[in-house]
Protein backbone atom coordinates (compact mmCIF):
# COMPACT_ATOMS: atom_id res chain seq x y z
CA UNK A 1 -31.86 -10.60 -23.04
CA UNK A 2 -32.47 -13.63 -20.84
CA UNK A 3 -31.14 -14.14 -17.33
CA UNK A 4 -28.82 -16.91 -18.51
CA UNK A 5 -27.26 -14.66 -21.15
CA UNK A 6 -26.74 -11.87 -18.61
CA UNK A 7 -25.01 -14.27 -16.23
CA UNK A 8 -22.84 -15.55 -19.05
CA UNK A 9 -21.63 -12.05 -19.77
CA UNK A 10 -20.54 -11.51 -16.16
CA UNK A 11 -19.15 -14.98 -15.69
CA UNK A 12 -17.03 -16.87 -18.17
CA UNK A 13 -13.77 -18.84 -17.99
CA UNK A 14 -11.76 -15.68 -18.71
CA UNK A 15 -12.82 -14.20 -15.36
CA UNK A 16 -10.99 -16.93 -13.50
CA UNK A 17 -7.90 -16.14 -15.59
CA UNK A 18 -8.18 -12.46 -14.65
CA UNK A 19 -8.52 -13.37 -10.97
CA UNK A 20 -5.59 -15.79 -10.83
CA UNK A 21 -3.34 -13.57 -12.93
CA UNK A 22 -4.19 -10.55 -10.77
CA UNK A 23 -3.36 -12.40 -7.57
CA UNK A 24 0.00 -13.67 -8.86
CA UNK A 25 0.87 -10.21 -10.19
CA UNK A 26 0.13 -8.62 -6.82
CA UNK A 27 2.28 -11.07 -4.84
CA UNK A 28 5.21 -10.72 -7.24
CA UNK A 29 5.09 -6.93 -7.31
CA UNK A 30 5.04 -6.53 -3.53
CA UNK A 31 7.74 -9.07 -2.72
CA UNK A 32 10.37 -7.50 -4.97
CA UNK A 33 10.01 -4.14 -3.21
CA UNK A 34 9.24 -5.25 0.37
CA UNK A 35 12.19 -3.38 2.03
CA UNK A 36 11.23 -0.09 0.37
CA UNK A 37 7.56 -0.61 1.24
CA UNK A 38 8.40 -0.98 4.91
CA UNK A 39 10.75 2.02 4.85
CA UNK A 40 8.02 4.16 3.28
CA UNK A 41 5.59 3.31 6.08
CA UNK A 42 8.19 4.03 8.78
CA UNK A 43 9.04 7.43 7.31
CA UNK A 44 5.37 8.34 6.98
CA UNK A 45 4.58 7.79 10.64
CA UNK A 46 7.81 8.57 12.54
CA UNK A 47 7.65 11.70 14.74
CA UNK A 48 9.46 14.88 13.72
CA UNK A 49 12.54 14.65 15.96
CA UNK A 50 16.21 14.89 15.22
CA UNK A 51 17.11 11.76 17.18
CA UNK A 52 16.81 8.29 15.73
CA UNK A 53 14.91 9.11 12.55
CA UNK A 54 15.18 6.95 9.46
CA UNK A 55 16.83 9.42 7.08
CA UNK A 56 17.93 8.63 3.56
CA UNK A 57 16.97 5.54 1.62
CA UNK A 58 20.34 3.77 1.60
CA UNK A 59 21.27 4.63 5.20
CA UNK A 60 17.85 3.50 6.42
CA UNK A 61 18.03 0.20 4.54
CA UNK A 62 21.51 -0.46 5.99
CA UNK A 63 20.26 0.40 9.47
CA UNK A 64 17.27 -1.91 9.03
CA UNK A 65 19.62 -4.73 8.03
CA UNK A 66 21.94 -4.15 11.01
CA UNK A 67 19.10 -4.02 13.51
CA UNK A 68 16.85 -6.80 12.20
CA UNK A 69 18.62 -8.57 9.32
CA UNK A 70 16.82 -9.99 6.28
CA UNK A 71 13.77 -10.63 8.45
CA UNK A 72 13.48 -6.88 8.92
CA UNK A 73 13.29 -6.36 5.16
CA UNK A 74 10.43 -8.84 4.93
CA UNK A 75 8.63 -7.69 8.09
CA UNK A 76 4.95 -7.39 7.23
CA UNK A 77 5.42 -8.85 3.74
CA UNK A 78 3.60 -12.05 4.59
CA UNK A 79 0.41 -10.25 5.50
CA UNK A 80 1.06 -7.80 2.67
CA UNK A 81 1.00 -10.69 0.18
CA UNK A 82 -1.99 -12.20 1.96
CA UNK A 83 -3.71 -8.85 1.45
CA UNK A 84 -2.41 -8.03 -2.01
CA UNK A 85 -3.33 -11.37 -3.62
CA UNK A 86 -7.10 -10.91 -3.18
CA UNK A 87 -6.73 -7.12 -3.50
CA UNK A 88 -4.97 -7.31 -6.85
CA UNK A 89 -7.15 -10.19 -8.05
CA UNK A 90 -10.35 -8.27 -7.28
CA UNK A 91 -8.94 -5.07 -8.77
CA UNK A 92 -7.85 -6.52 -12.12
CA UNK A 93 -10.98 -8.66 -12.45
CA UNK A 94 -13.30 -5.76 -11.62
CA UNK A 95 -11.45 -3.48 -14.04
CA UNK A 96 -11.70 -5.97 -16.89
CA UNK A 97 -15.42 -6.48 -16.29
CA UNK A 98 -16.17 -2.77 -15.94
CA UNK A 99 -14.38 -2.07 -19.21
CA UNK A 100 -16.73 -4.52 -20.89
CA UNK A 101 -19.73 -2.97 -19.15
CA UNK A 102 -18.88 0.62 -20.11
CA UNK A 103 -18.31 -0.36 -23.74
CA UNK A 104 -21.47 -2.46 -23.86
CA UNK A 105 -19.28 -5.51 -24.43
CA UNK A 106 -17.41 -4.10 -27.39
CA UNK A 107 -20.23 -2.08 -28.96
CA UNK A 108 -18.70 1.27 -27.92
CA UNK A 109 -15.19 2.72 -27.74
CA UNK A 110 -13.37 2.76 -24.39
CA UNK A 111 -12.28 6.38 -23.98
CA UNK A 112 -10.16 7.92 -21.21
CA UNK A 113 -13.06 8.95 -18.90
CA UNK A 114 -14.39 5.38 -18.99
CA UNK A 115 -10.93 3.99 -18.25
CA UNK A 116 -10.61 6.35 -15.29
CA UNK A 117 -14.06 5.41 -14.00
CA UNK A 118 -13.36 1.69 -14.42
CA UNK A 119 -10.07 1.97 -12.56
CA UNK A 120 -11.51 4.12 -9.77
CA UNK A 121 -14.41 1.75 -9.10
CA UNK A 122 -12.08 -1.26 -9.27
CA UNK A 123 -9.79 0.39 -6.73
CA UNK A 124 -12.57 1.16 -4.26
CA UNK A 125 -13.97 -2.38 -4.57
CA UNK A 126 -10.60 -4.00 -3.91
CA UNK A 127 -9.61 -1.78 -0.98
CA UNK A 128 -12.95 -2.26 0.80
CA UNK A 129 -12.51 -6.02 0.42
CA UNK A 130 -9.09 -6.21 2.07
CA UNK A 131 -8.69 -3.11 4.28
CA UNK A 132 -8.25 -4.85 7.69
CA UNK A 133 -5.27 -6.77 6.31
CA UNK A 134 -3.71 -3.51 5.12
CA UNK A 135 -4.07 -1.91 8.55
CA UNK A 136 -2.54 -4.91 10.35
CA UNK A 137 0.31 -5.01 7.83
CA UNK A 138 1.06 -1.33 8.48
CA UNK A 139 1.15 -1.94 12.24
CA UNK A 140 3.52 -4.88 11.82
CA UNK A 141 5.81 -2.82 9.59
CA UNK A 142 6.42 -0.18 12.25
CA UNK A 143 6.08 -2.32 15.40
CA UNK A 144 9.74 -3.37 15.44
CA UNK A 145 11.24 -0.24 13.90
CA UNK A 146 13.30 1.89 16.29
CA UNK A 147 11.14 4.97 15.86
CA UNK A 148 11.96 7.55 18.57
CA UNK A 149 9.28 8.59 21.04
CA UNK A 150 10.06 11.29 23.60
CA UNK A 151 6.83 11.23 25.54
CA UNK A 152 7.55 8.07 27.54
CA UNK A 153 9.47 8.04 30.79
CA UNK A 154 12.85 6.46 31.32
CA UNK A 155 11.33 3.82 33.57
CA UNK A 156 9.47 2.38 30.56
CA UNK A 157 12.63 1.77 28.57
CA UNK A 158 14.47 -1.51 28.26
CA UNK A 159 17.54 -2.76 26.46
CA UNK A 160 15.72 -3.00 23.12
CA UNK A 161 15.22 0.77 22.82
CA UNK A 162 17.30 2.78 20.41
CA UNK A 163 20.06 5.02 21.79
CA UNK A 164 19.16 4.55 25.48
CA UNK A 165 22.64 5.43 26.57
CA UNK A 166 23.02 8.45 24.28
CA UNK A 167 21.09 11.00 26.34
CA UNK A 168 20.02 11.42 29.96
CA UNK A 169 16.36 11.84 28.94
CA UNK A 170 16.55 8.69 26.76
CA UNK A 171 14.36 8.31 23.71
CA UNK A 172 12.06 5.29 23.74
CA UNK A 173 11.09 3.32 20.66
CA UNK A 174 7.99 1.62 19.33
CA UNK A 175 9.55 -1.83 19.33
CA UNK A 176 10.12 -1.75 23.12
CA UNK A 177 6.44 -2.24 23.95
CA UNK A 178 5.43 -5.20 21.78
CA UNK A 179 5.48 -8.79 22.92
CA UNK A 180 6.69 -11.47 20.57
CA UNK A 181 3.13 -12.84 20.36
CA UNK A 182 1.95 -9.49 18.97
CA UNK A 183 4.36 -9.59 16.03
CA UNK A 184 2.27 -11.89 13.86
CA UNK A 185 -0.80 -11.39 11.71
CA UNK A 186 -3.12 -13.05 14.20
CA UNK A 187 -1.43 -11.55 17.26
CA UNK A 188 -1.55 -7.98 15.97
CA UNK A 189 -5.16 -8.37 14.84
CA UNK A 190 -6.19 -9.60 18.30
CA UNK A 191 -4.24 -6.78 19.97
CA UNK A 192 -6.00 -4.12 17.87
CA UNK A 193 -9.47 -5.57 18.49
CA UNK A 194 -8.81 -5.99 22.22
CA UNK A 195 -7.21 -2.61 22.93
CA UNK A 196 -8.79 -0.25 20.43
CA UNK A 197 -12.51 -0.81 20.67
CA UNK A 198 -13.41 -3.89 18.69
CA UNK A 199 -13.61 -4.96 15.07
CA UNK A 200 -14.39 -1.46 13.78
CA UNK A 201 -10.83 -0.46 14.76
CA UNK A 202 -9.63 -2.61 11.85
CA UNK A 203 -11.35 -0.16 9.49
CA UNK A 204 -9.82 3.04 10.87
CA UNK A 205 -8.79 5.24 7.93
CA UNK A 206 -10.95 3.44 5.35
CA UNK A 207 -12.58 6.63 4.03
CA UNK A 208 -9.36 8.54 3.23
CA UNK A 209 -7.94 5.31 1.84
CA UNK A 210 -10.86 4.86 -0.54
CA UNK A 211 -10.67 8.53 -1.55
CA UNK A 212 -6.99 8.11 -2.33
CA UNK A 213 -7.21 4.72 -4.01
CA UNK A 214 -9.99 5.72 -6.43
CA UNK A 215 -7.99 8.39 -8.31
CA UNK A 216 -4.72 6.45 -7.93
CA UNK A 217 -5.99 3.25 -9.52
CA UNK A 218 -8.00 5.18 -12.10
CA UNK A 219 -4.97 7.19 -13.21
CA UNK A 220 -2.75 4.11 -13.01
CA UNK A 221 -4.82 2.03 -15.41
CA UNK A 222 -5.60 4.91 -17.76
CA UNK A 223 -1.96 6.04 -17.90
CA UNK A 224 -0.71 2.49 -18.46
CA UNK A 225 -3.01 1.86 -21.39
CA UNK A 226 -2.18 5.29 -22.84
CA UNK A 227 1.55 4.59 -22.60
CA UNK A 228 1.05 1.15 -24.11
CA UNK A 229 -0.46 2.81 -27.17
CA UNK A 230 2.54 5.14 -27.51
CA UNK A 231 5.54 3.10 -26.33
CA UNK A 232 4.54 -0.39 -27.50
CA UNK A 233 3.19 -0.03 -31.05
CA UNK A 234 2.83 -3.19 -33.17
CA UNK A 235 6.23 -4.79 -33.72
CA UNK A 236 7.83 -3.06 -30.71
CA UNK A 237 6.07 -4.95 -27.95
CA UNK A 238 9.21 -5.89 -26.00
CA UNK A 239 9.52 -6.75 -22.32
CA UNK A 240 11.54 -3.60 -21.60
CA UNK A 241 8.94 -1.36 -23.22
CA UNK A 242 6.11 -3.03 -21.29
CA UNK A 243 7.97 -2.57 -18.01
CA UNK A 244 8.63 1.09 -18.86
CA UNK A 245 4.91 1.69 -19.40
CA UNK A 246 4.11 0.31 -15.96
CA UNK A 247 6.90 2.24 -14.27
CA UNK A 248 5.80 5.55 -15.78
CA UNK A 249 2.12 4.96 -15.02
CA UNK A 250 2.84 4.02 -11.40
CA UNK A 251 5.15 6.98 -10.78
CA UNK A 252 2.69 9.52 -12.16
CA UNK A 253 -0.38 8.16 -10.38
CA UNK A 254 1.44 7.78 -7.04
CA UNK A 255 2.90 11.30 -7.07
CA UNK A 256 -0.49 12.87 -7.80
CA UNK A 257 -2.29 11.00 -5.01
CA UNK A 258 0.49 10.54 -2.42
CA UNK A 259 -0.97 12.86 0.29
CA UNK A 260 -3.91 10.46 0.61
CA UNK A 261 -1.45 7.64 1.29
CA UNK A 262 0.24 9.58 4.08
CA UNK A 263 -3.17 10.41 5.54
CA UNK A 264 -4.16 6.75 5.41
CA UNK A 265 -1.05 5.63 7.33
CA UNK A 266 -1.50 8.31 9.99
CA UNK A 267 -5.10 7.24 10.54
CA UNK A 268 -4.06 3.60 10.76
CA UNK A 269 -1.63 4.22 13.64
CA UNK A 270 -3.78 6.64 15.63
CA UNK A 271 -4.73 3.87 18.05
CA UNK A 272 -1.13 2.84 18.78
CA UNK A 273 -1.08 4.62 22.13
CA UNK A 274 1.24 2.00 23.58
CA UNK A 275 3.65 2.72 20.76
CA UNK A 276 3.84 6.35 21.77
CA UNK A 277 3.72 7.78 18.27
CA UNK A 278 1.56 10.54 19.70
CA UNK A 279 -0.89 11.08 16.81
CA UNK A 280 -4.35 12.17 17.96
CA UNK A 281 -6.87 12.98 15.23
CA UNK A 282 -10.64 13.38 15.42
CA UNK A 283 -11.07 12.20 11.85
CA UNK A 284 -9.63 12.27 8.35
CA UNK A 285 -10.29 15.98 7.80
CA UNK A 286 -8.80 16.90 11.17
CA UNK A 287 -5.74 14.77 10.39
CA UNK A 288 -5.29 16.50 7.03
CA UNK A 289 -5.57 19.99 8.54
CA UNK A 290 -3.28 19.10 11.46
CA UNK A 291 -0.56 17.71 9.20
CA UNK A 292 -0.77 20.73 6.88
CA UNK A 293 -0.66 23.15 9.84
CA UNK A 294 2.13 21.54 11.86
CA UNK A 295 4.28 20.03 9.10
CA UNK A 296 3.36 22.03 6.02
CA UNK A 297 3.04 20.70 2.50
CA UNK A 298 6.22 18.69 3.03
CA UNK A 299 4.45 16.63 5.69
CA UNK A 300 1.98 15.36 3.10
CA UNK A 301 4.86 14.02 0.99
CA UNK A 302 6.99 12.38 3.67
CA UNK A 303 8.48 9.14 2.36
CA UNK A 304 7.72 10.01 -1.28
CA UNK A 305 11.23 9.33 -2.59
CA UNK A 306 11.57 5.74 -1.29
CA UNK A 307 7.98 5.22 -2.36
CA UNK A 308 8.74 6.26 -5.94
CA UNK A 309 11.73 3.91 -5.94
CA UNK A 310 9.28 1.22 -4.88
CA UNK A 311 6.32 2.11 -7.09
CA UNK A 312 8.13 2.12 -10.43
CA UNK A 313 9.40 -1.49 -10.28
CA UNK A 314 6.32 -2.64 -8.37
CA UNK A 315 3.73 -1.40 -10.87
CA UNK A 316 5.91 -2.44 -13.79
CA UNK A 317 6.17 -5.96 -12.35
CA UNK A 318 2.47 -6.04 -11.60
CA UNK A 319 1.25 -5.14 -15.09
CA UNK A 320 3.84 -7.29 -16.85
CA UNK A 321 3.14 -10.35 -14.69
CA UNK A 322 -0.62 -9.87 -15.01
CA UNK A 323 -0.56 -9.72 -18.80
CA UNK A 324 1.88 -12.62 -19.08
CA UNK A 325 -0.09 -14.94 -16.77
CA UNK A 326 -3.47 -13.86 -18.19
CA UNK A 327 -2.43 -14.54 -21.77
CA UNK A 328 -0.97 -17.90 -20.77
CA UNK A 329 -4.11 -18.99 -18.90
CA UNK A 330 -6.50 -17.83 -21.63
CA UNK A 331 -4.42 -19.64 -24.24
CA UNK A 332 -4.68 -22.83 -22.23
């Protein structure tokens, strides 16, 4: 096989369709669930206190609206879309190409192990490509949330803190210590690099993230294609059935790998000393053992319920949009 033929196999007009369709699918899926995405992050990282916690999905969403309005629902969504467009584009494109590779371009059958391997490798590739954007987005999501912190003194509080007048030993909040200039993609990135030891701080938590993304994406793709074979047989390929396949696949894969997601968020906010969240871990393994010891198994599943409410429509939208746009572009 000549070099030209090899290049042709890895690059053809369809690849551009995969890339564009993947990017559009990612942006659409994240935007429709932005409020729940932010709530999930807040619940994952808020300290275990009885004062000021975001409890309950509906009550928390109402509170977010009262405190920050519609802007609060979309906080961090801009950078999330900026991250998810290349992330999703790389993921779908890599998955499509790996499927071809593992089947020798149609010469062999694509079984479940190969689907899992294709999805896992696609997930790792995409997360390594866009991780700094994910970390900054997580910081922006919690920067203005009124998460209670009891370790700061009363002298550090101002009128933006939550419940200052409620108790004599007032509870401070994370949003009291950020300047307006910090609450942007560029501002937060500069703040992290300046205060937390340089560019490598943007990659804090990459290892547990990759370990969690690999099985999540692998299971997600494999489950989706399995459900498509069962729920959408020839003649019953309706929009509702396609969305159901994505919702089921996303819910199953997220539940099985959720502890890695919690671990990722905790590692991402370790350096927020000015925010007073109080998390101090020596590494991913230490974080996992500390969470299990101090919070139990429940600590590894904090925020799971709002996340499942988010994942089902998000993954369903992602797969449906991807297939719709891909088929349209290839047909053109």
